[in-house]
Amino acid sequence: EVSTEYSKFPDSRNVAKNMASTLPKTKLIYIIRQPYARLRSHYIHKVGAGIERRTLNEVLNDSLHDYSINEYINYSRYYFQLAQYLPFYPANNILVITTEAMKENRDATLSKLFLFVGVNTDFVVENDVRVNLSSERKRWNRLGLGIRKSDRIYNRYKFYAVRYPKLIKLFDRLVSLPIKVTPVSEPIKSRLDAIFKEDLRKLQDCVDVDLSHWSL
């Protein structure tokens, strides 16, 4: 079972409590991404869906005035999210891995995951699936929004996007525009760094996860 909704506190509440009432002895795997990369991907996704119209710096500036209820920052505060589960699950039943480790050292990372869940650690997953393509996402134009609003048409679009990526890239030029994301300003980044560094310190004190390849 996989869902990002499990780590969207406080927007999704009582998730850990409800999960523990159904699966009290399960093991959990929390896959995390460099906080700014996740935040940027989140922003691109919402712009592409036509939900967000502010610039990234406007979003973050507004968020910092009330980040306690803001999804852009909160979803990148990984200990803040994980802490919701600790009253219900022991830390040794939670494995935290990074998307960067999955991408750059996949076999070793999967072996660690297999050991955690109790299956053969020598198994090798053979695939070339590409993940987290937010940098390639586009903002829908009017034609694209028409496609997006129809579940039947949009599901067909996604079906062909996986199987014929080159053809879909050509089609995307008709239905979308590129999304431009400005760099985070230094004053905003300085404030975010303090928030993320403290959160990551708590995360590493709680669970065994190597974040040495990250930089803020």
Foldseek 3Di string as FASTA:
>chain_A
DDDLLLQQPPVRPCSLVVVCVVVLPAAAEAEAEQLVLVLVLVVLVCQQLVNDDDAPQVLLVVCVVPVVPDRSQRSSLVLSRCVNNVVRDAQLSYHYAYVVCCVPVVLVVVLVVCVSNPHDSPDDDDDDDDDDPSQPGFRFDPVLNVQVVDPVSVVVLVVVCRVPVVVNVVVCVVTGHHDDHDDHDPVSVVVSCVSNVVSVVVVVVRHPYDPVVHDD
